[in-house]
Amino acid sequence: MLVIRDAQMAALGLPMLERFVVKTLRDIRELFPGDPRFREDAPVRALIQDGIAAARRYGIDGEREVSLFIFLMCEFG
């Protein structure tokens, strides 16, 4: 019987998380072209990570819904 432990599941999810962050970073820059807040990668990545965590606290866990939540955070703070 195959048993996948929590740490293994977390490791398997890291590439998916990174793809989501990269896609969201690109989408933010498309939605807010020329906005100086979104020029540097590190602060935007931190914003996306914070947005994911905040969305989870509200029970939002679908990829599309989390993206929308992050976009609204960018627009309204």
N, C-alpha and C. Protein backbone atom coordinates (compact mmCIF):
# COMPACT_ATOMS: atom_id res chain seq x y z
N MET A 1 0.85 -1.18 0.00
CA MET A 1 0.00 0.00 0.00
C MET A 1 0.89 1.25 0.00
N LEU A 2 0.55 2.17 -0.85
CA LEU A 2 1.29 3.42 -0.98
C LEU A 2 0.71 4.45 -0.03
N VAL A 3 1.60 5.07 0.75
CA VAL A 3 1.19 6.11 1.68
C VAL A 3 1.94 7.39 1.32
N ILE A 4 1.19 8.46 1.09
CA ILE A 4 1.81 9.75 0.80
C ILE A 4 1.63 10.62 2.04
N ARG A 5 2.74 11.01 2.60
CA ARG A 5 2.72 11.82 3.82
C ARG A 5 2.48 13.29 3.50
N ASP A 6 2.10 14.06 4.53
CA ASP A 6 1.80 15.49 4.34
C ASP A 6 2.98 16.24 3.73
N ALA A 7 4.19 15.94 4.20
CA ALA A 7 5.37 16.63 3.67
C ALA A 7 5.55 16.33 2.18
N GLN A 8 5.25 15.09 1.79
CA GLN A 8 5.36 14.73 0.38
C GLN A 8 4.30 15.46 -0.45
N MET A 9 3.09 15.56 0.07
CA MET A 9 2.03 16.28 -0.62
C MET A 9 2.39 17.75 -0.78
N ALA A 10 2.98 18.33 0.27
CA ALA A 10 3.39 19.73 0.20
C ALA A 10 4.46 19.92 -0.87
N ALA A 11 5.40 18.99 -0.94
CA ALA A 11 6.47 19.08 -1.94
C ALA A 11 5.90 18.93 -3.35
N LEU A 12 4.92 18.08 -3.52
CA LEU A 12 4.30 17.90 -4.83
C LEU A 12 3.54 19.16 -5.25
N GLY A 13 3.04 19.91 -4.28
CA GLY A 13 2.27 21.11 -4.59
C GLY A 13 3.11 22.33 -4.91
N LEU A 14 4.40 22.31 -4.57
CA LEU A 14 5.25 23.48 -4.79
C LEU A 14 5.34 23.89 -6.26
N PRO A 15 5.53 22.98 -7.20
CA PRO A 15 5.57 23.42 -8.60
C PRO A 15 4.25 24.06 -9.06
N MET A 16 3.13 23.54 -8.59
CA MET A 16 1.84 24.14 -8.95
C MET A 16 1.71 25.53 -8.36
N LEU A 17 2.16 25.70 -7.13
CA LEU A 17 2.11 27.01 -6.49
C LEU A 17 2.97 28.00 -7.26
N GLU A 18 4.17 27.58 -7.64
CA GLU A 18 5.07 28.47 -8.38
C GLU A 18 4.46 28.86 -9.72
N ARG A 19 3.81 27.92 -10.41
CA ARG A 19 3.14 28.25 -11.68
C ARG A 19 2.04 29.27 -11.45
N PHE A 20 1.27 29.11 -10.36
CA PHE A 20 0.20 30.06 -10.04
C PHE A 20 0.78 31.44 -9.78
N VAL A 21 1.86 31.50 -9.00
CA VAL A 21 2.49 32.80 -8.67
C VAL A 21 2.99 33.47 -9.95
N VAL A 22 3.66 32.74 -10.81
CA VAL A 22 4.19 33.31 -12.06
C VAL A 22 3.05 33.81 -12.94
N LYS A 23 2.01 33.01 -13.08
CA LYS A 23 0.86 33.42 -13.90
C LYS A 23 0.18 34.65 -13.32
N THR A 24 -0.01 34.67 -12.01
CA THR A 24 -0.67 35.81 -11.36
C THR A 24 0.19 37.06 -11.47
N LEU A 25 1.49 36.91 -11.33
CA LEU A 25 2.41 38.04 -11.48
C LEU A 25 2.27 38.64 -12.88
N ARG A 26 2.25 37.79 -13.89
CA ARG A 26 2.08 38.25 -15.27
C ARG A 26 0.72 38.93 -15.46
N ASP A 27 -0.32 38.32 -14.90
CA ASP A 27 -1.67 38.88 -15.04
C ASP A 27 -1.80 40.24 -14.35
N ILE A 28 -1.19 40.38 -13.19
CA ILE A 28 -1.22 41.66 -12.47
C ILE A 28 -0.60 42.76 -13.34
N ARG A 29 0.54 42.43 -13.93
CA ARG A 29 1.21 43.43 -14.77
C ARG A 29 0.40 43.77 -16.01
N GLU A 30 -0.37 42.81 -16.52
CA GLU A 30 -1.25 43.10 -17.66
C GLU A 30 -2.44 43.95 -17.25
N LEU A 31 -2.98 43.68 -16.06
CA LEU A 31 -4.15 44.43 -15.58
C LEU A 31 -3.80 45.85 -15.14
N PHE A 32 -2.57 46.02 -14.65
CA PHE A 32 -2.13 47.32 -14.13
C PHE A 32 -0.85 47.76 -14.85
N PRO A 33 -0.94 47.97 -16.17
CA PRO A 33 0.28 48.32 -16.92
C PRO A 33 0.84 49.66 -16.46
N GLY A 34 2.14 49.68 -16.31
CA GLY A 34 2.80 50.92 -15.93
C GLY A 34 2.70 51.29 -14.47
N ASP A 35 1.99 50.50 -13.66
CA ASP A 35 1.86 50.80 -12.23
C ASP A 35 3.20 50.51 -11.55
N PRO A 36 3.82 51.50 -10.94
CA PRO A 36 5.14 51.30 -10.35
C PRO A 36 5.15 50.31 -9.18
N ARG A 37 3.98 50.06 -8.57
CA ARG A 37 3.93 49.12 -7.45
C ARG A 37 4.28 47.70 -7.88
N PHE A 38 4.12 47.42 -9.16
CA PHE A 38 4.26 46.05 -9.63
C PHE A 38 5.46 45.83 -10.54
N ARG A 39 6.46 46.69 -10.46
CA ARG A 39 7.64 46.57 -11.33
C ARG A 39 8.60 45.49 -10.85
N GLU A 40 8.88 45.45 -9.55
CA GLU A 40 9.86 44.51 -9.01
C GLU A 40 9.17 43.20 -8.63
N ASP A 41 9.83 42.10 -8.94
CA ASP A 41 9.25 40.78 -8.70
C ASP A 41 9.04 40.46 -7.22
N ALA A 42 10.04 40.71 -6.39
CA ALA A 42 9.98 40.26 -4.98
C ALA A 42 8.76 40.82 -4.24
N PRO A 43 8.49 42.12 -4.29
CA PRO A 43 7.32 42.63 -3.58
C PRO A 43 5.99 42.09 -4.13
N VAL A 44 5.94 41.89 -5.43
CA VAL A 44 4.70 41.38 -6.03
C VAL A 44 4.50 39.92 -5.63
N ARG A 45 5.59 39.14 -5.61
CA ARG A 45 5.50 37.75 -5.16
C ARG A 45 5.02 37.70 -3.71
N ALA A 46 5.53 38.60 -2.88
CA ALA A 46 5.10 38.65 -1.47
C ALA A 46 3.62 39.00 -1.39
N LEU A 47 3.18 39.93 -2.21
CA LEU A 47 1.76 40.31 -2.24
C LEU A 47 0.90 39.12 -2.64
N ILE A 48 1.35 38.37 -3.62
CA ILE A 48 0.59 37.20 -4.08
C ILE A 48 0.53 36.15 -2.97
N GLN A 49 1.64 35.90 -2.30
CA GLN A 49 1.65 34.94 -1.20
C GLN A 49 0.71 35.39 -0.08
N ASP A 50 0.75 36.68 0.25
CA ASP A 50 -0.16 37.22 1.26
C ASP A 50 -1.62 37.08 0.82
N GLY A 51 -1.86 37.31 -0.47
CA GLY A 51 -3.21 37.18 -1.01
C GLY A 51 -3.72 35.76 -0.94
N ILE A 52 -2.86 34.80 -1.22
CA ILE A 52 -3.24 33.39 -1.12
C ILE A 52 -3.63 33.06 0.31
N ALA A 53 -2.80 33.49 1.26
CA ALA A 53 -3.07 33.22 2.68
C ALA A 53 -4.37 33.89 3.13
N ALA A 54 -4.58 35.14 2.72
CA ALA A 54 -5.79 35.86 3.11
C ALA A 54 -7.03 35.20 2.51
N ALA A 55 -6.93 34.80 1.26
CA ALA A 55 -8.07 34.14 0.61
C ALA A 55 -8.42 32.85 1.34
N ARG A 56 -7.41 32.09 1.74
CA ARG A 56 -7.67 30.85 2.49
C ARG A 56 -8.41 31.13 3.80
N ARG A 57 -8.04 32.22 4.46
CA ARG A 57 -8.72 32.57 5.73
C ARG A 57 -10.20 32.83 5.52
N TYR A 58 -10.56 33.28 4.32
CA TYR A 58 -11.97 33.51 3.98
C TYR A 58 -12.62 32.29 3.35
N GLY A 59 -11.89 31.20 3.27
CA GLY A 59 -12.44 29.98 2.68
C GLY A 59 -12.42 29.97 1.17
N ILE A 60 -11.64 30.84 0.58
CA ILE A 60 -11.52 30.92 -0.88
C ILE A 60 -10.31 30.08 -1.28
N ASP A 61 -10.56 29.04 -2.08
CA ASP A 61 -9.43 28.17 -2.42
C ASP A 61 -9.36 27.79 -3.90
N GLY A 62 -10.33 28.16 -4.70
CA GLY A 62 -10.26 27.89 -6.13
C GLY A 62 -9.27 28.83 -6.80
N GLU A 63 -8.55 28.33 -7.78
CA GLU A 63 -7.51 29.13 -8.44
C GLU A 63 -8.07 30.43 -9.01
N ARG A 64 -9.17 30.35 -9.71
CA ARG A 64 -9.77 31.55 -10.31
C ARG A 64 -10.21 32.54 -9.23
N GLU A 65 -10.83 32.03 -8.18
CA GLU A 65 -11.33 32.89 -7.11
C GLU A 65 -10.18 33.54 -6.34
N VAL A 66 -9.10 32.79 -6.12
CA VAL A 66 -7.93 33.37 -5.43
C VAL A 66 -7.31 34.46 -6.30
N SER A 67 -7.23 34.21 -7.60
CA SER A 67 -6.71 35.23 -8.51
C SER A 67 -7.54 36.50 -8.43
N LEU A 68 -8.85 36.36 -8.49
CA LEU A 68 -9.73 37.51 -8.39
C LEU A 68 -9.53 38.24 -7.06
N PHE A 69 -9.42 37.49 -5.98
CA PHE A 69 -9.19 38.07 -4.65
C PHE A 69 -7.91 38.91 -4.67
N ILE A 70 -6.85 38.37 -5.26
CA ILE A 70 -5.57 39.09 -5.32
C ILE A 70 -5.70 40.35 -6.19
N PHE A 71 -6.39 40.23 -7.32
CA PHE A 71 -6.58 41.40 -8.17
C PHE A 71 -7.35 42.49 -7.44
N LEU A 72 -8.35 42.10 -6.67
CA LEU A 72 -9.11 43.08 -5.88
C LEU A 72 -8.24 43.70 -4.79
N MET A 73 -7.35 42.90 -4.21
CA MET A 73 -6.41 43.46 -3.23
C MET A 73 -5.54 44.53 -3.89
N CYS A 74 -5.11 44.26 -5.10
CA CYS A 74 -4.26 45.23 -5.83
C CYS A 74 -5.04 46.51 -6.12
N GLU A 75 -6.30 46.36 -6.47
CA GLU A 75 -7.12 47.52 -6.84
C GLU A 75 -7.56 48.33 -5.62
N PHE A 76 -8.01 47.64 -4.58
CA PHE A 76 -8.62 48.34 -3.45
C PHE A 76 -7.81 48.32 -2.16
N GLY A 77 -6.72 47.55 -2.17
CA GLY A 77 -5.87 47.49 -0.96
C GLY A 77 -6.30 46.44 0.02
